[in-house]
Amino acid sequence: MNQTIQLVISAITAIGGAEILRYFLFRRSDKRKASAEAATAEFRILQETNQFLQQQLKEKEERFAEQTSIVRQLNSDIIDLLKLKGKLECELATTRCQVRHCQNRQPQNGY
C-alpha cells in the first residue's frame, strides 16, 4: 500500500504535480485574468473601430461642406444671372420699336 502511494505521488510529481496543484488552487483567479484580458482586447478593438468610423464621418462631413458651398455658390450665380436677364428684358421691352417693318427696329427682326 505504501509503495502504491509513493508510486502515485511520484507519477503526479513526474507529470507536473506543482502545476496540477497550482491549477486547482488558482483556477478561479486564472479565469478572471483571462476574462479581463479578453475584455481589454475587445475594448481595444471597439476603440480602434470607433476611431476609424469617426475619421470616416469627419471626412464625409468635410466633403459634404465643400459640396454644399459649391452648390450655394452656383445657386447664387444662377440668381444673379436671372436678375441680369430680367433687367435686360425690361430694357428691351422699353426700347423695342412697336411698329411693324420699321427700319430702325432694335433688335432687327421681321415678322
C-alpha atoms as a PDB file:
ATOM      1  CA  MET A   1       0.000   0.000   0.000  1.00  0.00           C
ATOM      2  CA  ASN A   2       2.808   2.347   0.903  1.00  0.00           C
ATOM      3  CA  GLN A   3       4.533   1.603  -2.347  1.00  0.00           C
ATOM      4  CA  THR A   4       1.374   2.369  -4.339  1.00  0.00           C
ATOM      5  CA  ILE A   5       1.003   5.724  -2.663  1.00  0.00           C
ATOM      6  CA  GLN A   6       4.641   6.513  -3.348  1.00  0.00           C
ATOM      7  CA  LEU A   7       4.171   5.388  -6.962  1.00  0.00           C
ATOM      8  CA  VAL A   8       1.111   7.634  -7.397  1.00  0.00           C
ATOM      9  CA  ILE A   9       2.875  10.577  -5.793  1.00  0.00           C
ATOM     10  CA  SER A  10       5.969  10.095  -7.926  1.00  0.00           C
ATOM     11  CA  ALA A  11       3.781   9.804 -11.057  1.00  0.00           C
ATOM     12  CA  ILE A  12       1.978  13.019 -10.188  1.00  0.00           C
ATOM     13  CA  THR A  13       5.300  14.707  -9.496  1.00  0.00           C
ATOM     14  CA  ALA A  14       6.697  13.484 -12.796  1.00  0.00           C
ATOM     15  CA  ILE A  15       3.673  14.767 -14.668  1.00  0.00           C
ATOM     16  CA  GLY A  16       3.905  18.130 -13.028  1.00  0.00           C
ATOM     17  CA  GLY A  17       2.374  17.928  -9.616  1.00  0.00           C
ATOM     18  CA  ALA A  18       3.097  21.531  -8.803  1.00  0.00           C
ATOM     19  CA  GLU A  19       1.318  22.635 -11.961  1.00  0.00           C
ATOM     20  CA  ILE A  20      -1.720  20.471 -11.210  1.00  0.00           C
ATOM     21  CA  LEU A  21      -1.821  21.761  -7.658  1.00  0.00           C
ATOM     22  CA  ARG A  22      -1.468  25.343  -8.902  1.00  0.00           C
ATOM     23  CA  TYR A  23      -4.242  24.740 -11.451  1.00  0.00           C
ATOM     24  CA  PHE A  24      -6.685  23.526  -8.832  1.00  0.00           C
ATOM     25  CA  LEU A  25      -5.788  26.252  -6.355  1.00  0.00           C
ATOM     26  CA  PHE A  26      -5.744  29.226  -8.746  1.00  0.00           C
ATOM     27  CA  ARG A  27      -8.247  28.300 -11.469  1.00  0.00           C
ATOM     28  CA  ARG A  28     -10.767  30.949 -10.413  1.00  0.00           C
ATOM     29  CA  SER A  29      -8.230  33.769 -10.479  1.00  0.00           C
ATOM     30  CA  ASP A  30      -6.877  32.464 -13.797  1.00  0.00           C
ATOM     31  CA  LYS A  31     -10.393  32.574 -15.256  1.00  0.00           C
ATOM     32  CA  ARG A  32     -10.792  36.148 -14.046  1.00  0.00           C
ATOM     33  CA  LYS A  33      -7.444  37.130 -15.549  1.00  0.00           C
ATOM     34  CA  ALA A  34      -8.340  35.519 -18.873  1.00  0.00           C
ATOM     35  CA  SER A  35     -11.735  37.200 -18.828  1.00  0.00           C
ATOM     36  CA  ALA A  36     -10.161  40.581 -18.059  1.00  0.00           C
ATOM     37  CA  GLU A  37      -7.617  40.158 -20.853  1.00  0.00           C
ATOM     38  CA  ALA A  38     -10.367  39.221 -23.306  1.00  0.00           C
ATOM     39  CA  ALA A  39     -12.439  42.223 -22.233  1.00  0.00           C
ATOM     40  CA  THR A  40      -9.426  44.503 -22.619  1.00  0.00           C
ATOM     41  CA  ALA A  41      -8.706  43.173 -26.105  1.00  0.00           C
ATOM     42  CA  GLU A  42     -12.369  43.582 -27.089  1.00  0.00           C
ATOM     43  CA  PHE A  43     -12.425  47.131 -25.718  1.00  0.00           C
ATOM     44  CA  ARG A  44      -9.263  47.979 -27.666  1.00  0.00           C
ATOM     45  CA  ILE A  45     -10.790  46.638 -30.889  1.00  0.00           C
ATOM     46  CA  LEU A  46     -14.001  48.593 -30.296  1.00  0.00           C
ATOM     47  CA  GLN A  47     -11.993  51.732 -29.566  1.00  0.00           C
ATOM     48  CA  GLU A  48      -9.999  51.373 -32.797  1.00  0.00           C
ATOM     49  CA  THR A  49     -13.199  50.751 -34.763  1.00  0.00           C
ATOM     50  CA  ASN A  50     -14.788  53.804 -33.177  1.00  0.00           C
ATOM     51  CA  GLN A  51     -11.802  55.984 -34.084  1.00  0.00           C
ATOM     52  CA  PHE A  52     -11.870  54.685 -37.664  1.00  0.00           C
ATOM     53  CA  LEU A  53     -15.592  55.391 -38.021  1.00  0.00           C
ATOM     54  CA  GLN A  54     -15.187  58.868 -36.513  1.00  0.00           C
ATOM     55  CA  GLN A  55     -12.416  59.633 -39.013  1.00  0.00           C
ATOM     56  CA  GLN A  56     -14.628  58.469 -41.885  1.00  0.00           C
ATOM     57  CA  LEU A  57     -17.522  60.581 -40.603  1.00  0.00           C
ATOM     58  CA  LYS A  58     -15.262  63.633 -40.326  1.00  0.00           C
ATOM     59  CA  GLU A  59     -14.058  63.172 -43.911  1.00  0.00           C
ATOM     60  CA  LYS A  60     -17.629  62.778 -45.174  1.00  0.00           C
ATOM     61  CA  GLU A  61     -18.727  65.900 -43.313  1.00  0.00           C
ATOM     62  CA  GLU A  62     -15.849  67.863 -44.855  1.00  0.00           C
ATOM     63  CA  ARG A  63     -16.767  66.646 -48.358  1.00  0.00           C
ATOM     64  CA  PHE A  64     -20.422  67.498 -47.696  1.00  0.00           C
ATOM     65  CA  ALA A  65     -19.462  71.008 -46.545  1.00  0.00           C
ATOM     66  CA  GLU A  66     -17.349  71.519 -49.682  1.00  0.00           C
ATOM     67  CA  GLN A  67     -20.117  70.288 -51.968  1.00  0.00           C
ATOM     68  CA  THR A  68     -22.701  72.406 -50.168  1.00  0.00           C
ATOM     69  CA  SER A  69     -20.587  75.535 -50.587  1.00  0.00           C
ATOM     70  CA  ILE A  70     -20.176  74.756 -54.303  1.00  0.00           C
ATOM     71  CA  VAL A  71     -23.935  74.305 -54.728  1.00  0.00           C
ATOM     72  CA  ARG A  72     -24.660  77.524 -52.845  1.00  0.00           C
ATOM     73  CA  GLN A  73     -22.164  79.433 -54.994  1.00  0.00           C
ATOM     74  CA  LEU A  74     -23.714  78.032 -58.191  1.00  0.00           C
ATOM     75  CA  ASN A  75     -27.208  78.892 -56.968  1.00  0.00           C
ATOM     76  CA  SER A  76     -26.031  82.422 -56.193  1.00  0.00           C
ATOM     77  CA  ASP A  77     -24.583  82.691 -59.711  1.00  0.00           C
ATOM     78  CA  ILE A  78     -27.879  81.460 -61.198  1.00  0.00           C
ATOM     79  CA  ILE A  79     -29.859  84.017 -59.201  1.00  0.00           C
ATOM     80  CA  ASP A  80     -27.530  86.808 -60.327  1.00  0.00           C
ATOM     81  CA  LEU A  81     -27.878  85.724 -63.962  1.00  0.00           C
ATOM     82  CA  LEU A  82     -31.679  85.590 -63.642  1.00  0.00           C
ATOM     83  CA  LYS A  83     -31.697  89.125 -62.237  1.00  0.00           C
ATOM     84  CA  LEU A  84     -29.496  90.325 -65.097  1.00  0.00           C
ATOM     85  CA  LYS A  85     -31.757  88.594 -67.622  1.00  0.00           C
ATOM     86  CA  GLY A  86     -34.804  90.283 -66.097  1.00  0.00           C
ATOM     87  CA  LYS A  87     -33.151  93.702 -66.283  1.00  0.00           C
ATOM     88  CA  LEU A  88     -32.169  93.149 -69.913  1.00  0.00           C
ATOM     89  CA  GLU A  89     -35.688  92.020 -70.799  1.00  0.00           C
ATOM     90  CA  CYS A  90     -37.106  95.151 -69.151  1.00  0.00           C
ATOM     91  CA  GLU A  91     -34.701  97.368 -71.089  1.00  0.00           C
ATOM     92  CA  LEU A  92     -35.521  95.549 -74.309  1.00  0.00           C
ATOM     93  CA  ALA A  93     -39.237  95.969 -73.698  1.00  0.00           C
ATOM     94  CA  THR A  94     -38.841  99.716 -73.175  1.00  0.00           C
ATOM     95  CA  THR A  95     -36.603 100.284 -76.206  1.00  0.00           C
ATOM     96  CA  ARG A  96     -38.263  97.915 -78.641  1.00  0.00           C
ATOM     97  CA  CYS A  97     -39.991  99.536 -81.559  1.00  0.00           C
ATOM     98  CA  GLN A  98     -43.695  98.603 -81.746  1.00  0.00           C
ATOM     99  CA  VAL A  99     -44.169  99.490 -85.416  1.00  0.00           C
ATOM    100  CA  ARG A 100     -44.062  96.540 -87.789  1.00  0.00           C
ATOM    101  CA  HIS A 101     -41.482  96.565 -90.549  1.00  0.00           C
ATOM    102  CA  CYS A 102     -39.768  99.583 -89.033  1.00  0.00           C
ATOM    103  CA  GLN A 103     -36.343 100.306 -90.488  1.00  0.00           C
ATOM    104  CA  ASN A 104     -34.969 101.465 -87.124  1.00  0.00           C
ATOM    105  CA  ARG A 105     -36.249  98.490 -85.166  1.00  0.00           C
ATOM    106  CA  GLN A 106     -33.977  97.312 -82.325  1.00  0.00           C
ATOM    107  CA  PRO A 107     -33.376  94.403 -82.352  1.00  0.00           C
ATOM    108  CA  GLN A 108     -33.753  93.829 -86.049  1.00  0.00           C
ATOM    109  CA  ASN A 109     -36.171  91.005 -86.735  1.00  0.00           C
ATOM    110  CA  GLY A 110     -39.086  90.844 -89.031  1.00  0.00           C
ATOM    111  CA  TYR A 111     -42.497  89.400 -88.675  1.00  0.00           C
END
